[in-house]
């Protein structure tokens, strides 16, 4: 099953449930309770740049390691992660033209490896919907 909003969609992993909310979409791991929050916005003029993504990362609370470059189909961006208050957190900032997708995972460290593999599999299916291009 594909889930998403009007500007993007991705294939939902069978272990995850999706709920739309006013800020975007929340995915919850059925077995271990990890959560992936996704929100997006469309830039009015021009494409989202790497510099703009780095500025968003600089606004995150706390200290984070240097982000790494990632690519999922037409989406390109940055990923960073680490431990925060007993949870493992990973952030993705992904752009497809004027669309910026922000995703934040948090889960228990003992579950994070398997959940992150499932998230990466879902992100590999993400696509930018044609109405924004």
Protein backbone atom coordinates (compact mmCIF):
# COMPACT_ATOMS: atom_id res chain seq x y z
CA UNK A 1 0.00 0.00 0.00
CA UNK A 2 1.26 3.49 -0.87
CA UNK A 3 0.91 6.29 1.66
CA UNK A 4 1.72 9.98 1.49
CA UNK A 5 0.34 13.41 0.87
CA UNK A 6 -0.55 15.25 -2.33
CA UNK A 7 3.11 16.12 -3.01
CA UNK A 8 4.81 12.76 -2.28
CA UNK A 9 4.10 9.08 -1.68
CA UNK A 10 5.94 5.89 -0.71
CA UNK A 11 5.27 2.21 -0.24
CA UNK A 12 4.36 1.34 3.37
CA UNK A 13 6.29 -1.55 4.93
CA UNK A 14 3.93 -4.28 6.29
CA UNK A 15 5.34 -3.78 9.81
CA UNK A 16 4.28 -0.12 9.90
CA UNK A 17 0.96 1.71 10.29
CA UNK A 18 0.35 5.19 8.88
CA UNK A 19 -1.76 8.04 10.25
CA UNK A 20 -2.22 11.41 8.58
CA UNK A 21 -2.10 14.42 10.92
CA UNK A 22 -2.24 18.21 10.46
CA UNK A 23 1.56 18.43 10.18
CA UNK A 24 2.03 15.52 7.75
CA UNK A 25 2.12 11.82 8.41
CA UNK A 26 3.14 9.60 11.30
CA UNK A 27 4.26 6.02 10.79
CA UNK A 28 4.42 3.62 13.74
CA UNK A 29 6.18 0.27 13.89
CA UNK A 30 3.58 -2.31 14.85
CA UNK A 31 5.99 -4.57 16.74
CA UNK A 32 8.54 -2.39 18.51
CA UNK A 33 6.94 1.04 18.73
CA UNK A 34 9.39 3.15 16.74
CA UNK A 35 7.93 6.23 15.07
CA UNK A 36 8.66 8.05 11.85
CA UNK A 37 7.22 11.55 11.51
CA UNK A 38 7.13 13.03 8.00
CA UNK A 39 6.32 16.60 7.05
CA UNK A 40 6.79 18.48 3.82
CA UNK A 41 6.65 21.92 2.32
CA UNK A 42 6.90 23.42 -1.13
CA UNK A 43 9.24 26.32 -1.81
CA UNK A 44 7.46 29.13 -3.67
CA UNK A 45 10.28 29.94 -6.06
CA UNK A 46 13.12 27.71 -7.20
CA UNK A 47 14.45 24.39 -5.97
CA UNK A 48 15.37 23.48 -2.40
CA UNK A 49 19.16 23.69 -2.06
CA UNK A 50 21.67 21.75 0.01
CA UNK A 51 22.47 24.97 1.88
CA UNK A 52 18.79 25.34 2.88
CA UNK A 53 18.76 21.75 4.16
CA UNK A 54 21.94 22.41 6.17
CA UNK A 55 20.27 25.51 7.66
CA UNK A 56 17.34 23.35 8.81
CA UNK A 57 19.77 20.91 10.40
CA UNK A 58 21.49 23.77 12.25
CA UNK A 59 18.09 24.61 13.81
CA UNK A 60 17.72 21.15 15.37
CA UNK A 61 17.95 21.07 19.19
CA UNK A 62 21.07 19.48 20.65
CA UNK A 63 24.29 18.49 18.96
CA UNK A 64 24.37 16.12 16.00
CA UNK A 65 27.13 14.55 13.93
CA UNK A 66 27.97 15.78 10.46
CA UNK A 67 25.17 14.71 8.06
CA UNK A 68 25.79 12.28 5.23
CA UNK A 69 24.48 12.61 1.69
CA UNK A 70 21.65 10.27 0.66
CA UNK A 71 19.61 9.69 -2.46
CA UNK A 72 16.25 7.97 -2.93
CA UNK A 73 15.16 8.14 -6.56
CA UNK A 74 14.43 11.78 -7.43
CA UNK A 75 14.94 12.81 -3.78
CA UNK A 76 18.41 13.94 -2.71
CA UNK A 77 19.44 15.19 0.68
CA UNK A 78 21.03 14.63 4.05
CA UNK A 79 20.71 12.11 6.90
CA UNK A 80 22.06 12.29 10.44
CA UNK A 81 21.41 10.34 13.61
CA UNK A 82 22.42 9.57 17.17
CA UNK A 83 21.20 8.91 20.69
CA UNK A 84 19.03 11.45 22.48
CA UNK A 85 17.50 10.89 25.95
CA UNK A 86 17.61 7.09 25.68
CA UNK A 87 16.17 6.97 22.17
CA UNK A 88 17.91 6.53 18.86
CA UNK A 89 16.97 9.35 16.49
CA UNK A 90 17.60 9.82 12.79
CA UNK A 91 16.71 12.87 10.71
CA UNK A 92 16.34 13.04 6.93
CA UNK A 93 16.06 16.25 4.93
CA UNK A 94 15.20 15.35 1.34
CA UNK A 95 14.48 17.56 -1.66
CA UNK A 96 12.82 16.94 -5.00
CA UNK A 97 12.77 20.23 -6.90
CA UNK A 98 10.77 22.70 -4.79
CA UNK A 99 9.59 20.00 -2.34
CA UNK A 100 11.35 19.58 1.01
CA UNK A 101 10.53 16.42 2.96
CA UNK A 102 11.61 16.22 6.59
CA UNK A 103 11.51 12.87 8.36
CA UNK A 104 12.39 12.09 11.97
CA UNK A 105 12.69 8.58 13.36
CA UNK A 106 12.84 7.78 17.06
CA UNK A 107 12.96 4.35 18.58
CA UNK A 108 14.59 2.21 21.21
CA UNK A 109 18.27 1.54 20.52
CA UNK A 110 17.66 -2.25 20.64
CA UNK A 111 15.09 -1.96 17.82
CA UNK A 112 16.61 0.84 15.77
CA UNK A 113 18.75 -1.29 13.45
CA UNK A 114 15.84 -3.37 12.12
CA UNK A 115 13.45 -0.41 12.04
CA UNK A 116 15.95 1.75 10.17
CA UNK A 117 16.37 -0.99 7.56
CA UNK A 118 12.58 -0.99 7.08
CA UNK A 119 12.54 2.82 6.84
CA UNK A 120 15.33 2.81 4.27
CA UNK A 121 13.31 0.27 2.24
CA UNK A 122 10.27 2.58 2.39
CA UNK A 123 12.29 5.67 1.45
CA UNK A 124 13.71 3.76 -1.53
CA UNK A 125 10.14 3.78 -2.94
CA UNK A 126 9.44 7.49 -2.39
CA UNK A 127 8.30 9.51 -5.34
CA UNK A 128 7.53 13.13 -5.96
CA UNK A 129 4.00 13.55 -7.30
CA UNK A 130 3.66 15.32 -10.65
CA UNK A 131 1.46 18.21 -9.54
CA UNK A 132 4.40 20.02 -7.88
CA UNK A 133 7.03 19.63 -10.61
